Amino acid sequence: MTYLCDTNVFIALLLEGHPRHKECAAWFETVPQAGEVVMCRPVQLSVLRLLTTTAVLERLNRPPLTNAQAWAVIEATIADERIRHDVDEPPGLDALWSKFALRKTASPKLWMDGFLAAWASASKWILVSTDDGFAQFKGVETINLNDSATEPPN
């Protein structure tokens, strides 16, 4: 199996104290093979941006990382043998992306979600997220780490 992880999975994995850290870490510990978890370039960029954003880290009572610190976190993350850093887009990506993202409404969050769904679909990988919105993409196999079975206690 190969898993394409959304930004929110990596952020939760990397930030202890994140509301989804335990669920994402528990799932990640089930990954047995080298290279089964993929961090694509758009997710890498999103993780770097979020790790250096005050509004994200202040919720966890942390200062934002410097760019150098965030880069070191990414390097350490992709050094884990289970994670593969993939920068090569699969064939057919644009056709699937437009199928998933083009709407008759202004839907800014759909650009990245549609892109990741298209990447997973074109690669025949499983998309892993904590975002319920990926269920809208027909034909894309997903794992939702935010389902009722993984809700954190109140």
Protein backbone atom coordinates (compact mmCIF):
# COMPACT_ATOMS: atom_id res chain seq x y z
CA MET A 1 0.00 0.00 0.00
CA THR A 2 1.06 3.56 -0.66
CA TYR A 3 -0.47 6.45 1.25
CA LEU A 4 -0.52 10.08 0.14
CA CYS A 5 -0.89 12.15 3.30
CA ASP A 6 -2.62 15.50 3.43
CA THR A 7 -0.96 18.46 5.13
CA ASN A 8 -3.12 18.09 8.22
CA VAL A 9 -1.80 14.57 8.85
CA PHE A 10 1.82 15.71 8.78
CA ILE A 11 1.09 18.76 10.95
CA ALA A 12 -0.66 16.55 13.52
CA LEU A 13 2.20 14.02 13.42
CA LEU A 14 4.86 16.68 13.88
CA LEU A 15 3.21 18.74 16.61
CA GLU A 16 2.73 16.99 19.91
CA GLY A 17 -0.28 18.56 21.59
CA HIS A 18 -2.13 18.92 18.29
CA PRO A 19 -5.75 17.73 18.74
CA ARG A 20 -5.19 14.92 16.19
CA HIS A 21 -1.62 13.99 17.14
CA LYS A 22 -2.52 10.73 18.88
CA GLU A 23 -4.76 9.48 16.06
CA CYS A 24 -2.26 10.35 13.35
CA ALA A 25 0.69 8.92 15.30
CA ALA A 26 -1.23 5.69 15.99
CA TRP A 27 -2.05 5.33 12.29
CA PHE A 28 1.56 6.10 11.29
CA GLU A 29 2.85 3.39 13.61
CA THR A 30 0.85 0.83 11.57
CA VAL A 31 2.87 1.62 8.42
CA PRO A 32 5.23 -1.34 8.05
CA GLN A 33 7.15 -0.72 4.82
CA ALA A 34 9.75 1.78 3.71
CA GLY A 35 8.42 4.41 1.34
CA GLU A 36 4.74 3.68 1.93
CA VAL A 37 3.87 7.20 3.13
CA VAL A 38 4.26 9.95 0.55
CA MET A 39 4.90 13.63 1.13
CA CYS A 40 4.39 15.39 -2.19
CA ARG A 41 5.85 18.82 -2.93
CA PRO A 42 2.59 20.79 -2.39
CA VAL A 43 2.16 19.17 1.03
CA GLN A 44 5.80 19.89 1.87
CA LEU A 45 5.27 23.57 1.05
CA SER A 46 2.08 23.71 3.11
CA VAL A 47 3.76 22.08 6.11
CA LEU A 48 6.67 24.53 5.90
CA ARG A 49 4.26 27.46 5.71
CA LEU A 50 2.18 26.26 8.66
CA LEU A 51 5.18 25.47 10.88
CA THR A 52 6.31 29.08 10.45
CA THR A 53 2.87 30.64 11.01
CA THR A 54 2.23 32.26 14.39
CA ALA A 55 -1.55 31.70 14.29
CA VAL A 56 -1.07 27.94 13.91
CA LEU A 57 1.52 27.38 16.62
CA GLU A 58 0.18 29.82 19.19
CA ARG A 59 -2.85 27.51 19.56
CA LEU A 60 -0.38 24.99 20.93
CA ASN A 61 1.38 27.61 23.07
CA ARG A 62 4.46 27.54 20.85
CA PRO A 63 6.27 30.20 18.88
CA PRO A 64 6.48 29.71 15.12
CA LEU A 65 9.58 27.96 13.87
CA THR A 66 12.18 29.86 11.91
CA ASN A 67 12.45 28.89 8.27
CA ALA A 68 15.71 27.06 9.06
CA GLN A 69 14.05 25.15 11.90
CA ALA A 70 11.06 24.22 9.73
CA TRP A 71 13.37 23.00 6.97
CA ALA A 72 15.23 20.83 9.50
CA VAL A 73 11.89 19.35 10.62
CA ILE A 74 11.08 18.44 7.01
CA GLU A 75 14.52 16.89 6.50
CA ALA A 76 14.13 14.83 9.67
CA THR A 77 10.63 13.78 8.62
CA ILE A 78 11.63 12.55 5.18
CA ALA A 79 14.65 10.80 6.72
CA ASP A 80 12.18 8.34 8.25
CA GLU A 81 12.39 5.33 5.94
CA ARG A 82 8.60 4.97 5.87
CA ILE A 83 8.25 8.38 4.23
CA ARG A 84 8.97 9.02 0.58
CA HIS A 85 9.34 12.57 -0.73
CA ASP A 86 7.76 12.54 -4.19
CA VAL A 87 8.11 15.56 -6.45
CA ASP A 88 7.19 13.86 -9.74
CA GLU A 89 3.56 14.44 -10.66
CA PRO A 90 1.78 11.37 -12.04
CA PRO A 91 0.55 11.24 -15.65
CA GLY A 92 -3.05 12.36 -16.06
CA LEU A 93 -2.96 14.61 -13.00
CA ASP A 94 -4.32 17.76 -14.65
CA ALA A 95 -7.35 16.05 -16.19
CA LEU A 96 -8.33 14.54 -12.84
CA TRP A 97 -7.58 17.77 -10.98
CA SER A 98 -9.90 19.76 -13.21
CA LYS A 99 -12.58 17.08 -12.83
CA PHE A 100 -12.37 17.34 -9.04
CA ALA A 101 -11.82 21.10 -8.64
CA LEU A 102 -13.87 22.88 -11.29
CA ARG A 103 -17.14 24.14 -9.84
CA LYS A 104 -19.59 26.88 -10.63
CA THR A 105 -18.80 28.45 -7.27
CA ALA A 106 -15.79 30.18 -5.79
CA SER A 107 -14.30 27.34 -3.73
CA PRO A 108 -10.72 28.26 -2.77
CA LYS A 109 -10.09 25.25 -0.52
CA LEU A 110 -11.05 22.92 -3.35
CA TRP A 111 -7.88 23.67 -5.31
CA MET A 112 -5.54 21.82 -2.96
CA ASP A 113 -8.06 19.15 -1.96
CA GLY A 114 -8.87 18.44 -5.60
CA PHE A 115 -5.16 18.38 -6.45
CA LEU A 116 -4.34 15.86 -3.72
CA ALA A 117 -7.36 13.72 -4.62
CA ALA A 118 -6.26 13.76 -8.26
CA TRP A 119 -2.67 12.84 -7.32
CA ALA A 120 -3.88 9.93 -5.20
CA SER A 121 -6.28 8.77 -7.90
CA ALA A 122 -3.75 9.03 -10.75
CA SER A 123 -1.17 7.14 -8.67
CA LYS A 124 -3.69 4.60 -7.36
CA TRP A 125 -2.70 5.48 -3.81
CA ILE A 126 -4.79 5.91 -0.68
CA LEU A 127 -5.32 9.50 0.45
CA VAL A 128 -4.96 9.93 4.23
CA SER A 129 -6.42 13.00 5.93
CA THR A 130 -8.34 14.29 8.92
CA ASP A 131 -10.58 16.25 6.53
CA ASP A 132 -14.09 14.93 5.91
CA GLY A 133 -14.22 16.84 2.62
CA PHE A 134 -12.24 14.24 0.68
CA ALA A 135 -15.28 11.93 0.69
CA GLN A 136 -16.74 14.08 -2.13
CA PHE A 137 -14.16 12.82 -4.62
CA LYS A 138 -15.66 9.72 -6.21
CA GLY A 139 -13.25 6.93 -7.00
CA VAL A 140 -10.57 8.14 -4.58
CA GLU A 141 -9.75 5.69 -1.82
CA THR A 142 -9.37 7.54 1.47
CA ILE A 143 -8.60 6.98 5.12
CA ASN A 144 -10.19 9.60 7.35
CA LEU A 145 -8.39 9.83 10.69
CA ASN A 146 -11.13 12.17 11.89
CA ASP A 147 -14.02 9.70 11.89
CA SER A 148 -16.16 9.11 14.96
CA ALA A 149 -13.94 6.24 16.08
CA THR A 150 -11.02 8.64 16.45
CA GLU A 151 -12.78 11.62 18.00
CA PRO A 152 -10.75 12.96 20.91
CA PRO A 153 -12.45 12.94 24.30
CA ASN A 154 -14.07 16.20 25.46
